[in-house]
Protein backbone atom coordinates (compact mmCIF):
# COMPACT_ATOMS: atom_id res chain seq x y z
CA UNK A 1 137.14 277.78 126.66
CA UNK A 2 138.41 276.17 129.84
CA UNK A 3 141.80 276.71 131.41
CA UNK A 4 142.68 274.34 134.21
CA UNK A 5 145.49 274.69 136.71
CA UNK A 6 146.62 272.01 139.15
CA UNK A 7 149.10 272.22 142.01
CA UNK A 8 149.85 270.20 145.12
CA UNK A 9 147.92 272.48 147.46
CA UNK A 10 145.53 274.09 145.02
CA UNK A 11 143.51 272.89 142.05
CA UNK A 12 141.49 275.56 140.31
CA UNK A 13 139.75 275.89 136.98
CA UNK A 14 139.52 279.06 134.92
CA UNK A 15 136.33 278.96 132.89
CA UNK A 16 135.62 282.08 130.89
CA UNK A 17 132.22 280.76 129.87
CA UNK A 18 130.94 280.85 133.45
CA UNK A 19 132.60 283.98 134.76
CA UNK A 20 130.66 285.78 137.47
CA UNK A 21 127.70 283.48 137.00
CA UNK A 22 127.19 283.05 140.72
CA UNK A 23 126.82 286.79 141.21
CA UNK A 24 124.44 287.26 138.24
CA UNK A 25 126.69 290.07 137.04
CA UNK A 26 128.31 290.78 133.73
CA UNK A 27 132.13 290.40 133.73
CA UNK A 28 132.40 294.20 133.61
CA UNK A 29 130.10 294.64 136.62
CA UNK A 30 131.91 291.90 138.52
CA UNK A 31 135.35 293.41 137.95
CA UNK A 32 134.17 296.90 138.90
CA UNK A 33 133.56 295.56 142.41
CA UNK A 34 137.13 294.23 142.80
CA UNK A 35 139.35 296.40 145.01
CA UNK A 36 142.68 296.32 143.20
CA UNK A 37 145.71 297.55 145.14
CA UNK A 38 148.97 298.92 143.76
CA UNK A 39 152.27 299.99 145.25
CA UNK A 40 153.33 298.24 148.47
CA UNK A 41 150.99 295.74 150.16
CA UNK A 42 151.32 293.44 153.16
CA UNK A 43 150.18 289.82 153.17
CA UNK A 44 147.88 288.97 156.06
CA UNK A 45 149.67 288.29 159.32
CA UNK A 46 152.60 290.54 158.43
CA UNK A 47 154.58 287.61 157.03
CA UNK A 48 155.67 289.20 153.75
CA UNK A 49 155.66 292.40 151.74
CA UNK A 50 154.84 292.79 148.06
CA UNK A 51 156.27 295.82 146.27
CA UNK A 52 154.29 295.78 143.07
CA UNK A 53 155.77 296.84 139.76
CA UNK A 54 153.45 298.77 137.44
CA UNK A 55 152.87 295.53 135.53
CA UNK A 56 150.83 293.95 138.36
CA UNK A 57 147.90 294.68 140.68
CA UNK A 58 146.98 292.91 143.91
CA UNK A 59 143.70 291.44 145.18
CA UNK A 60 143.30 290.54 148.86
CA UNK A 61 142.01 287.21 150.21
CA UNK A 62 138.32 288.05 149.89
CA UNK A 63 138.44 289.33 146.32
CA UNK A 64 140.82 286.54 145.26
CA UNK A 65 138.38 283.94 146.51
CA UNK A 66 135.52 285.68 144.71
CA UNK A 67 137.47 285.50 141.45
CA UNK A 68 138.36 281.83 141.92
CA UNK A 69 134.73 280.92 142.62
CA UNK A 70 133.61 283.03 139.66
CA UNK A 71 135.98 280.98 137.50
CA UNK A 72 133.90 277.95 138.43
CA UNK A 73 135.77 276.58 141.44
CA UNK A 74 134.14 275.35 144.68
CA UNK A 75 134.71 277.73 147.63
CA UNK A 76 136.88 275.15 149.43
CA UNK A 77 139.42 275.29 146.57
CA UNK A 78 140.10 278.91 147.50
CA UNK A 79 139.96 278.62 151.29
CA UNK A 80 143.73 279.00 151.87
CA UNK A 81 144.39 281.77 149.35
CA UNK A 82 146.27 284.79 150.73
CA UNK A 83 145.92 286.98 147.66
CA UNK A 84 146.29 287.22 143.91
CA UNK A 85 148.53 289.10 141.49
CA UNK A 86 146.77 290.23 138.31
CA UNK A 87 148.56 291.71 135.27
CA UNK A 88 147.73 295.38 134.89
CA UNK A 89 147.32 295.04 131.13
CA UNK A 90 144.54 292.41 131.21
CA UNK A 91 141.39 291.56 133.10
CA UNK A 92 141.24 288.19 134.90
CA UNK A 93 137.82 287.83 133.27
CA UNK A 94 139.03 288.26 129.69
CA UNK A 95 139.80 285.51 127.21
CA UNK A 96 143.56 286.13 127.53
CA UNK A 97 143.48 286.92 131.24
CA UNK A 98 145.62 285.14 133.82
CA UNK A 99 146.67 285.58 137.43
CA UNK A 100 149.09 284.35 140.10
CA UNK A 101 147.50 282.86 143.22
CA UNK A 102 149.38 283.16 146.54
CA UNK A 103 149.24 280.54 149.29
CA UNK A 104 151.56 279.50 152.13
CA UNK A 105 152.88 276.08 153.14
CA UNK A 106 153.90 275.92 156.82
CA UNK A 107 155.73 272.57 156.61
CA UNK A 108 158.85 274.31 157.94
CA UNK A 109 162.30 275.41 156.81
CA UNK A 110 163.27 273.78 153.51
CA UNK A 111 166.99 272.99 153.19
CA UNK A 112 168.48 273.91 149.81
CA UNK A 113 171.55 271.69 150.14
CA UNK A 114 170.34 269.40 147.35
CA UNK A 115 169.81 272.22 144.84
CA UNK A 116 173.12 271.79 142.99
CA UNK A 117 172.83 268.04 142.53
CA UNK A 118 169.24 267.67 141.33
CA UNK A 119 168.48 265.68 138.19
CA UNK A 120 165.49 267.45 136.66
CA UNK A 121 164.88 264.73 134.07
CA UNK A 122 164.59 262.18 136.88
CA UNK A 123 162.22 264.46 138.82
CA UNK A 124 160.07 264.88 135.71
CA UNK A 125 159.93 261.11 135.24
CA UNK A 126 158.86 260.65 138.88
CA UNK A 127 156.14 263.29 138.50
CA UNK A 128 154.85 261.58 135.37
CA UNK A 129 154.66 258.31 137.30
CA UNK A 130 152.76 260.11 140.08
CA UNK A 131 150.35 261.54 137.53
CA UNK A 132 149.67 258.07 136.13
CA UNK A 133 148.82 256.80 139.61
CA UNK A 134 146.68 259.85 140.40
CA UNK A 135 144.72 259.36 137.18
CA UNK A 136 143.41 256.03 138.42
CA UNK A 137 141.58 257.79 141.23
CA UNK A 138 140.59 260.75 139.01
CA UNK A 139 138.88 258.49 136.49
CA UNK A 140 137.10 256.57 139.27
CA UNK A 141 135.69 259.88 140.50
CA UNK A 142 134.61 260.89 137.01
CA UNK A 143 137.34 263.46 136.30
CA UNK A 144 139.41 263.68 133.13
CA UNK A 145 142.88 262.14 133.35
CA UNK A 146 145.86 264.48 133.33
CA UNK A 147 148.96 263.99 131.18
CA UNK A 148 152.18 265.71 132.23
CA UNK A 149 153.61 266.58 128.81
CA UNK A 150 156.93 267.90 130.12
CA UNK A 151 158.75 270.99 131.33
CA UNK A 152 157.42 274.23 129.89
CA UNK A 153 160.27 275.87 131.82
CA UNK A 154 162.93 273.76 133.63
CA UNK A 155 163.47 274.52 137.33
CA UNK A 156 165.70 277.45 138.30
CA UNK A 157 166.91 278.12 141.86
CA UNK A 158 168.58 281.33 143.05
CA UNK A 159 170.63 280.43 146.12
CA UNK A 160 171.17 284.09 147.05
CA UNK A 161 167.50 285.04 147.19
CA UNK A 162 166.21 281.52 148.04
CA UNK A 163 163.66 281.69 145.25
CA UNK A 164 162.71 278.85 142.92
CA UNK A 165 160.55 278.62 139.80
CA UNK A 166 159.57 276.09 137.15
CA UNK A 167 156.71 275.35 134.75
CA UNK A 168 154.92 272.22 133.60
CA UNK A 169 152.83 271.64 130.50
CA UNK A 170 149.69 269.60 131.16
CA UNK A 171 146.94 268.08 129.04
CA UNK A 172 143.53 267.40 130.58
CA UNK A 173 141.50 264.63 128.98
CA UNK A 174 140.82 265.26 125.30
CA UNK A 175 141.21 269.04 125.56
CA UNK A 176 142.99 270.51 122.54
CA UNK A 177 144.46 273.39 124.53
CA UNK A 178 147.22 272.47 126.93
CA UNK A 179 147.45 273.98 130.39
CA UNK A 180 150.35 275.82 131.99
CA UNK A 181 151.36 275.09 135.58
CA UNK A 182 153.87 277.83 136.43
CA UNK A 183 155.16 277.73 139.98
CA UNK A 184 157.23 280.18 142.03
CA UNK A 185 158.43 279.23 145.51
CA UNK A 186 159.96 281.67 148.02
CA UNK A 187 161.69 279.96 150.93
CA UNK A 188 161.27 281.36 154.43
CA UNK A 189 162.18 280.62 158.02
CA UNK A 190 159.12 278.52 158.82
CA UNK A 191 157.68 277.64 155.43
CA UNK A 192 157.31 278.51 151.78
CA UNK A 193 155.27 281.13 149.95
CA UNK A 194 153.67 279.45 146.93
CA UNK A 195 152.81 281.55 143.87
CA UNK A 196 150.99 279.59 141.18
CA UNK A 197 150.04 280.97 137.78
CA UNK A 198 146.52 280.19 136.54
CA UNK A 199 146.61 280.33 132.75
CA UNK A 200 146.55 278.41 129.50
CA UNK A 201 149.73 277.34 127.75
CA UNK A 202 149.10 280.22 125.33
CA UNK A 203 150.00 282.65 128.12
CA UNK A 204 153.44 281.05 128.69
CA UNK A 205 155.31 283.96 127.11
CA UNK A 206 153.34 286.52 129.13
CA UNK A 207 153.88 284.59 132.37
CA UNK A 208 157.61 284.17 131.70
CA UNK A 209 157.96 287.87 130.96
CA UNK A 210 156.16 288.73 134.19
CA UNK A 211 158.19 286.33 136.36
CA UNK A 212 161.15 288.69 137.02
CA UNK A 213 158.77 291.37 138.33
CA UNK A 214 157.07 288.83 140.61
CA UNK A 215 160.34 287.38 141.91
CA UNK A 216 161.60 290.87 142.75
CA UNK A 217 158.31 292.00 144.28
CA UNK A 218 157.75 289.44 147.04
CA UNK A 219 159.96 289.26 150.15
CA UNK A 220 159.52 287.80 153.61
CA UNK A 221 159.60 290.40 156.39
CA UNK A 222 162.21 290.61 159.13
CA UNK A 223 161.98 287.60 161.44
CA UNK A 224 160.37 285.44 158.73
CA UNK A 225 163.29 285.32 156.29
CA UNK A 226 165.24 282.21 155.37
CA UNK A 227 168.39 283.55 157.07
CA UNK A 228 166.54 283.84 160.41
CA UNK A 229 166.13 280.05 160.73
CA UNK A 230 167.24 278.66 164.12
CA UNK A 231 168.39 275.01 163.83
CA UNK A 232 167.05 272.87 166.63
CA UNK A 233 164.43 275.48 167.52
CA UNK A 234 162.45 276.12 164.34
CA UNK A 235 160.56 273.42 162.51
CA UNK A 236 162.36 271.86 159.54
CA UNK A 237 160.57 270.39 156.50
CA UNK A 238 160.97 266.70 155.72
CA UNK A 239 162.15 267.46 152.18
CA UNK A 240 164.45 269.78 150.22
CA UNK A 241 164.33 271.64 146.91
CA UNK A 242 163.67 268.41 145.02
CA UNK A 243 160.65 267.79 147.24
CA UNK A 244 159.27 271.25 146.53
CA UNK A 245 159.36 270.54 142.81
CA UNK A 246 158.13 266.97 143.12
CA UNK A 247 155.37 268.01 145.52
CA UNK A 248 155.72 268.10 149.30
CA UNK A 249 153.13 265.37 149.90
CA UNK A 250 154.93 262.96 147.58
CA UNK A 251 158.32 263.90 149.05
CA UNK A 252 157.17 263.19 152.61
CA UNK A 253 155.72 259.85 151.49
């Protein structure tokens, strides 16, 4: 069974049939070599702190990239990964396993002034149009087309914590199982932490239940927080909250 996840900055496939193939190890042997961390961990560069609840474990950049490649992804798909959050109750190599991949977008400070006036139905329609255009190139390159079915979870923005999340339901080619694209964005002074769930649509309930723990766990450190932004000095992004949901590349265009 294949579980495919697509995001603006990251496109990875979760393929349980090929797990750990590149290391010639069994899934059990592969996982035994992963150095899970619990408690409080720091992202590389001292940008942010993760205070893990008991429901999650953390893998650093190196182990996260090993897992992504073991899932069947090319190494370049994992080159910008900062870490990975893995549910404590499941293995990322199991049939029902899933994980949250952490990356960082340094486009700059994202204004949230548009958050209260966004029309999510309109944004969804624009994303579906984008997907149609993208499919032209995908099919030329021999990849299955992607259909954006709709919101699996409509966007939610917390203005106090400057955290945003939403979920999309996707269908790849003729695959019977739909794919979940669950996104969490944490706004900072100079950019945005991106947390993207890699799972099948069947894990939607589990991902939704784990979201509060993830939202509470990750915080920018002093000097990197949203409130530390200096207008006229720090870089500002060319888009707002709507652009984050739509996709920063499309928003800038």
